[in-house]
PDB file of N, CA and C in Angstrom:
ATOM      1  N   MET A   1      30.061  16.946  20.456  1.00  0.00           N
ATOM      2  CA  MET A   1      30.457  15.809  19.807  1.00  0.00           C
ATOM      3  C   MET A   1      31.161  16.183  19.050  1.00  0.00           C
ATOM      4  N   THR A   2      32.255  14.541  19.068  1.00  0.00           N
ATOM      5  CA  THR A   2      33.458  14.918  18.446  1.00  0.00           C
ATOM      6  C   THR A   2      33.444  14.911  16.956  1.00  0.00           C
ATOM      7  N   LYS A   3      34.814  15.329  16.646  1.00  0.00           N
ATOM      8  CA  LYS A   3      35.469  15.806  15.317  1.00  0.00           C
ATOM      9  C   LYS A   3      34.526  14.538  14.199  1.00  0.00           C
ATOM     10  N   GLN A   4      34.775  13.663  14.401  1.00  0.00           N
ATOM     11  CA  GLN A   4      34.627  12.479  13.485  1.00  0.00           C
ATOM     12  C   GLN A   4      32.643  11.801  13.149  1.00  0.00           C
ATOM     13  N   GLN A   5      31.842  11.968  14.265  1.00  0.00           N
ATOM     14  CA  GLN A   5      30.375  12.485  14.446  1.00  0.00           C
ATOM     15  C   GLN A   5      29.910  12.946  14.240  1.00  0.00           C
ATOM     16  N   THR A   6      30.257  14.767  13.621  1.00  0.00           N
ATOM     17  CA  THR A   6      30.466  15.356  12.747  1.00  0.00           C
ATOM     18  C   THR A   6      30.351  15.385  11.094  1.00  0.00           C
ATOM     19  N   ILE A   7      31.298  14.513  11.402  1.00  0.00           N
ATOM     20  CA  ILE A   7      31.913  14.933   9.932  1.00  0.00           C
ATOM     21  C   ILE A   7      30.979  13.778   9.383  1.00  0.00           C
ATOM     22  N   ASP A   8      30.352  12.215   9.740  1.00  0.00           N
ATOM     23  CA  ASP A   8      29.761  11.599   9.835  1.00  0.00           C
ATOM     24  C   ASP A   8      28.201  12.179   9.601  1.00  0.00           C
ATOM     25  N   LEU A   9      27.682  13.027  10.784  1.00  0.00           N
ATOM     26  CA  LEU A   9      26.346  14.148  10.380  1.00  0.00           C
ATOM     27  C   LEU A   9      26.434  14.846   8.853  1.00  0.00           C
ATOM     28  N   ILE A  10      27.760  14.752   7.879  1.00  0.00           N
ATOM     29  CA  ILE A  10      27.789  15.684   7.382  1.00  0.00           C
ATOM     30  C   ILE A  10      27.525  15.062   5.845  1.00  0.00           C
ATOM     31  N   ARG A  11      27.822  13.835   6.072  1.00  0.00           N
ATOM     32  CA  ARG A  11      28.120  13.006   5.262  1.00  0.00           C
ATOM     33  C   ARG A  11      26.766  11.984   4.714  1.00  0.00           C
ATOM     34  N   GLN A  12      26.141  12.386   6.608  1.00  0.00           N
ATOM     35  CA  GLN A  12      24.286  11.799   5.613  1.00  0.00           C
ATOM     36  C   GLN A  12      23.846  12.664   4.417  1.00  0.00           C
ATOM     37  N   ARG A  13      24.220  13.773   5.085  1.00  0.00           N
ATOM     38  CA  ARG A  13      23.592  14.998   4.235  1.00  0.00           C
ATOM     39  C   ARG A  13      24.183  15.131   3.246  1.00  0.00           C
ATOM     40  N   ASN A  14      25.319  15.394   2.996  1.00  0.00           N
ATOM     41  CA  ASN A  14      26.288  16.041   1.598  1.00  0.00           C
ATOM     42  C   ASN A  14      26.894  14.073   1.170  1.00  0.00           C
ATOM     43  N   HIS A  15      26.889  12.726   0.092  1.00  0.00           N
ATOM     44  CA  HIS A  15      27.200  11.960   0.097  1.00  0.00           C
ATOM     45  C   HIS A  15      28.556  12.329  -0.505  1.00  0.00           C
ATOM     46  N   SER A  16      28.743  13.215  -1.520  1.00  0.00           N
ATOM     47  CA  SER A  16      29.606  14.157  -2.400  1.00  0.00           C
ATOM     48  C   SER A  16      30.929  14.625  -1.304  1.00  0.00           C
ATOM     49  N   ALA A  17      31.115  14.324  -0.304  1.00  0.00           N
ATOM     50  CA  ALA A  17      31.721  14.899   0.773  1.00  0.00           C
ATOM     51  C   ALA A  17      32.853  13.288   1.311  1.00  0.00           C
ATOM     52  N   SER A  18      33.758  13.268   0.973  1.00  0.00           N
ATOM     53  CA  SER A  18      34.699  12.519   1.141  1.00  0.00           C
ATOM     54  C   SER A  18      35.034  12.778   3.021  1.00  0.00           C
ATOM     55  N   THR A  19      35.603  11.329   3.654  1.00  0.00           N
ATOM     56  CA  THR A  19      36.097  11.511   4.609  1.00  0.00           C
ATOM     57  C   THR A  19      37.424  12.171   4.792  1.00  0.00           C
ATOM     58  N   GLU A  20      38.306  11.774   3.796  1.00  0.00           N
ATOM     59  CA  GLU A  20      39.912  12.821   3.214  1.00  0.00           C
ATOM     60  C   GLU A  20      39.064  14.363   3.023  1.00  0.00           C
ATOM     61  N   PHE A  21      38.609  14.949   2.781  1.00  0.00           N
ATOM     62  CA  PHE A  21      38.265  16.496   2.213  1.00  0.00           C
ATOM     63  C   PHE A  21      38.483  16.556   3.735  1.00  0.00           C
ATOM     64  N   LEU A  22      36.469  15.673   4.443  1.00  0.00           N
ATOM     65  CA  LEU A  22      36.233  16.875   5.684  1.00  0.00           C
ATOM     66  C   LEU A  22      37.360  16.402   6.600  1.00  0.00           C
ATOM     67  N   THR A  23      38.003  16.061   6.751  1.00  0.00           N
ATOM     68  CA  THR A  23      39.059  15.288   8.446  1.00  0.00           C
ATOM     69  C   THR A  23      40.087  17.130   7.840  1.00  0.00           C
ATOM     70  N   ARG A  24      40.395  17.763   6.429  1.00  0.00           N
ATOM     71  CA  ARG A  24      41.098  18.509   6.553  1.00  0.00           C
ATOM     72  C   ARG A  24      41.149  20.235   7.606  1.00  0.00           C
ATOM     73  N   PHE A  25      39.555  19.467   7.717  1.00  0.00           N
ATOM     74  CA  PHE A  25      38.958  21.284   8.431  1.00  0.00           C
ATOM     75  C   PHE A  25      39.299  21.192   9.940  1.00  0.00           C
ATOM     76  N   ASP A  26      38.719  22.556  10.127  1.00  0.00           N
ATOM     77  CA  ASP A  26      39.115  22.462  12.365  1.00  0.00           C
ATOM     78  C   ASP A  26      37.413  22.281  12.091  1.00  0.00           C
ATOM     79  N   GLU A  27      37.312  21.680  13.682  1.00  0.00           N
ATOM     80  CA  GLU A  27      35.574  21.725  14.312  1.00  0.00           C
ATOM     81  C   GLU A  27      35.328  22.749  13.411  1.00  0.00           C
ATOM     82  N   GLN A  28      35.365  23.347  14.331  1.00  0.00           N
ATOM     83  CA  GLN A  28      34.124  24.561  14.136  1.00  0.00           C
ATOM     84  C   GLN A  28      34.161  24.839  12.704  1.00  0.00           C
ATOM     85  N   SER A  29      34.277  24.697  11.677  1.00  0.00           N
ATOM     86  CA  SER A  29      34.454  25.104  10.514  1.00  0.00           C
ATOM     87  C   SER A  29      33.330  24.424  10.286  1.00  0.00           C
ATOM     88  N   LEU A  30      33.145  23.119  10.246  1.00  0.00           N
ATOM     89  CA  LEU A  30      32.342  21.450  10.400  1.00  0.00           C
ATOM     90  C   LEU A  30      31.305  21.910  10.750  1.00  0.00           C
ATOM     91  N   ASP A  31      31.993  22.131  12.056  1.00  0.00           N
ATOM     92  CA  ASP A  31      30.397  22.332  12.744  1.00  0.00           C
ATOM     93  C   ASP A  31      29.116  23.381  12.123  1.00  0.00           C
ATOM     94  N   THR A  32      29.885  24.553  11.388  1.00  0.00           N
ATOM     95  CA  THR A  32      29.408  26.271  10.650  1.00  0.00           C
ATOM     96  C   THR A  32      28.954  24.916   9.895  1.00  0.00           C
ATOM     97  N   TYR A  33      29.330  24.343   8.970  1.00  0.00           N
ATOM     98  CA  TYR A  33      29.011  23.648   7.581  1.00  0.00           C
ATOM     99  C   TYR A  33      27.906  22.981   7.671  1.00  0.00           C
ATOM    100  N   LEU A  34      27.903  22.203   8.814  1.00  0.00           N
ATOM    101  CA  LEU A  34      26.963  21.192   8.758  1.00  0.00           C
ATOM    102  C   LEU A  34      25.383  21.841   9.870  1.00  0.00           C
ATOM    103  N   ARG A  35      25.458  22.689  10.062  1.00  0.00           N
ATOM    104  CA  ARG A  35      24.560  24.273  10.178  1.00  0.00           C
ATOM    105  C   ARG A  35      23.791  24.223   9.451  1.00  0.00           C
ATOM    106  N   ARG A  36      24.999  25.326   8.570  1.00  0.00           N
ATOM    107  CA  ARG A  36      24.179  25.287   7.330  1.00  0.00           C
ATOM    108  C   ARG A  36      23.593  23.899   6.048  1.00  0.00           C
ATOM    109  N   LEU A  37      24.567  23.063   6.465  1.00  0.00           N
ATOM    110  CA  LEU A  37      23.297  22.111   5.506  1.00  0.00           C
ATOM    111  C   LEU A  37      22.216  21.487   5.782  1.00  0.00           C
ATOM    112  N   SER A  38      21.948  21.752   7.444  1.00  0.00           N
ATOM    113  CA  SER A  38      20.734  21.072   8.053  1.00  0.00           C
ATOM    114  C   SER A  38      19.666  22.351   7.766  1.00  0.00           C
ATOM    115  N   THR A  39      20.206  23.584   7.292  1.00  0.00           N
ATOM    116  CA  THR A  39      19.269  24.804   7.109  1.00  0.00           C
ATOM    117  C   THR A  39      18.349  24.316   5.747  1.00  0.00           C
ATOM    118  N   VAL A  40      19.171  24.711   4.682  1.00  0.00           N
ATOM    119  CA  VAL A  40      19.506  23.851   3.110  1.00  0.00           C
ATOM    120  C   VAL A  40      18.568  22.452   3.290  1.00  0.00           C
ATOM    121  N   CYS A  41      18.830  21.487   3.617  1.00  0.00           N
ATOM    122  CA  CYS A  41      17.693  20.590   4.561  1.00  0.00           C
ATOM    123  C   CYS A  41      16.424  20.428   4.475  1.00  0.00           C
ATOM    124  N   ASN A  42      16.516  21.691   5.419  1.00  0.00           N
ATOM    125  CA  ASN A  42      15.146  21.229   5.942  1.00  0.00           C
ATOM    126  C   ASN A  42      13.918  22.393   5.481  1.00  0.00           C
ATOM    127  N   HIS A  43      12.385  22.163   5.244  1.00  0.00           N
ATOM    128  CA  HIS A  43      11.297  23.337   4.765  1.00  0.00           C
ATOM    129  C   HIS A  43      12.111  24.589   4.024  1.00  0.00           C
ATOM    130  N   ARG A  44      12.153  25.106   2.583  1.00  0.00           N
ATOM    131  CA  ARG A  44      12.492  25.922   2.079  1.00  0.00           C
ATOM    132  C   ARG A  44      10.691  26.142   1.788  1.00  0.00           C
ATOM    133  N   GLY A  45      10.732  27.467   1.878  1.00  0.00           N
ATOM    134  CA  GLY A  45       9.854  28.124   1.670  1.00  0.00           C
ATOM    135  C   GLY A  45      10.033  29.723   1.325  1.00  0.00           C
ATOM    136  N   ARG A  46       9.121  30.635   1.548  1.00  0.00           N
ATOM    137  CA  ARG A  46       8.408  31.905   2.293  1.00  0.00           C
ATOM    138  C   ARG A  46       9.418  32.005   4.098  1.00  0.00           C
ATOM    139  N   GLY A  47       8.633  31.303   3.920  1.00  0.00           N
ATOM    140  CA  GLY A  47       9.502  31.363   5.943  1.00  0.00           C
ATOM    141  C   GLY A  47      10.729  30.979   6.793  1.00  0.00           C
ATOM    142  N   SER A  48      11.653  30.330   5.134  1.00  0.00           N
ATOM    143  CA  SER A  48      12.653  29.340   5.296  1.00  0.00           C
ATOM    144  C   SER A  48      13.660  30.732   5.296  1.00  0.00           C
ATOM    145  N   ARG A  49      14.619  31.309   6.005  1.00  0.00           N
ATOM    146  CA  ARG A  49      15.629  32.044   6.448  1.00  0.00           C
ATOM    147  C   ARG A  49      17.394  31.199   6.687  1.00  0.00           C
ATOM    148  N   TRP A  50      18.253  32.212   6.257  1.00  0.00           N
ATOM    149  CA  TRP A  50      19.495  31.686   6.658  1.00  0.00           C
ATOM    150  C   TRP A  50      19.971  32.822   6.629  1.00  0.00           C
ATOM    151  N   VAL A  51      20.554  33.036   8.145  1.00  0.00           N
ATOM    152  CA  VAL A  51      21.905  34.305   8.450  1.00  0.00           C
ATOM    153  C   VAL A  51      23.430  33.716   8.436  1.00  0.00           C
ATOM    154  N   ARG A  52      24.195  34.615   7.284  1.00  0.00           N
ATOM    155  CA  ARG A  52      25.483  34.592   7.441  1.00  0.00           C
ATOM    156  C   ARG A  52      26.384  34.623   8.667  1.00  0.00           C
ATOM    157  N   ASP A  53      27.251  33.971   8.956  1.00  0.00           N
ATOM    158  CA  ASP A  53      27.760  34.153   9.512  1.00  0.00           C
ATOM    159  C   ASP A  53      28.588  35.343   9.782  1.00  0.00           C
ATOM    160  N   THR A  54      28.753  36.185  10.879  1.00  0.00           N
ATOM    161  CA  THR A  54      29.252  37.255  10.405  1.00  0.00           C
ATOM    162  C   THR A  54      31.276  37.398  10.725  1.00  0.00           C
ATOM    163  N   LYS A  55      31.315  36.494  11.034  1.00  0.00           N
ATOM    164  CA  LYS A  55      32.823  36.217  11.155  1.00  0.00           C
ATOM    165  C   LYS A  55      33.398  35.806  10.212  1.00  0.00           C
ATOM    166  N   SER A  56      32.968  35.336   8.702  1.00  0.00           N
ATOM    167  CA  SER A  56      32.992  35.280   7.062  1.00  0.00           C
ATOM    168  C   SER A  56      32.914  36.827   6.519  1.00  0.00           C
ATOM    169  N   PRO A  57      33.422  36.561   5.930  1.00  0.00           N
ATOM    170  CA  PRO A  57      33.489  38.460   4.419  1.00  0.00           C
ATOM    171  C   PRO A  57      32.358  37.165   3.929  1.00  0.00           C
ATOM    172  N   ALA A  58      31.574  38.244   3.342  1.00  0.00           N
ATOM    173  CA  ALA A  58      30.788  37.579   1.899  1.00  0.00           C
ATOM    174  C   ALA A  58      31.373  38.031   0.565  1.00  0.00           C
ATOM    175  N   VAL A  59      32.670  39.037   0.254  1.00  0.00           N
ATOM    176  CA  VAL A  59      33.285  38.775  -0.223  1.00  0.00           C
ATOM    177  C   VAL A  59      34.211  39.096  -0.125  1.00  0.00           C
ATOM    178  N   THR A  60      35.567  37.777  -0.844  1.00  0.00           N
ATOM    179  CA  THR A  60      36.999  37.779  -0.651  1.00  0.00           C
ATOM    180  C   THR A  60      37.255  38.565  -1.805  1.00  0.00           C
ATOM    181  N   THR A  61      38.625  38.825  -2.092  1.00  0.00           N
ATOM    182  CA  THR A  61      39.913  39.332  -3.501  1.00  0.00           C
ATOM    183  C   THR A  61      41.081  39.058  -2.884  1.00  0.00           C
ATOM    184  N   ARG A  62      41.250  38.701  -4.334  1.00  0.00           N
ATOM    185  CA  ARG A  62      43.024  38.353  -3.514  1.00  0.00           C
ATOM    186  C   ARG A  62      43.556  39.146  -4.369  1.00  0.00           C
ATOM    187  N   VAL A  63      44.408  39.862  -3.594  1.00  0.00           N
ATOM    188  CA  VAL A  63      46.049  40.857  -3.924  1.00  0.00           C
ATOM    189  C   VAL A  63      46.860  40.593  -4.707  1.00  0.00           C
ATOM    190  N   ALA A  64      46.938  41.015  -6.032  1.00  0.00           N
ATOM    191  CA  ALA A  64      48.136  40.142  -6.854  1.00  0.00           C
ATOM    192  C   ALA A  64      49.630  40.935  -6.164  1.00  0.00           C
ATOM    193  N   ALA A  65      50.571  39.334  -6.283  1.00  0.00           N
ATOM    194  CA  ALA A  65      51.454  39.539  -5.835  1.00  0.00           C
ATOM    195  C   ALA A  65      52.878  40.563  -6.917  1.00  0.00           C
TER     196      ALA A  65
END
């Protein structure tokens, strides 16, 4: 899938995300976000699960300069 196709699918699910904003991200980040949106848009309930991507930290901090 091309970057533009991924952006189009994201915008179908999240109308507030502008194309200009989404083009700032690389294809892998967009793909991860689209998978997350797809999970959120599906049935939610007791059997619903989302597993955090282990490549990104759960908590981040900023060290003062």
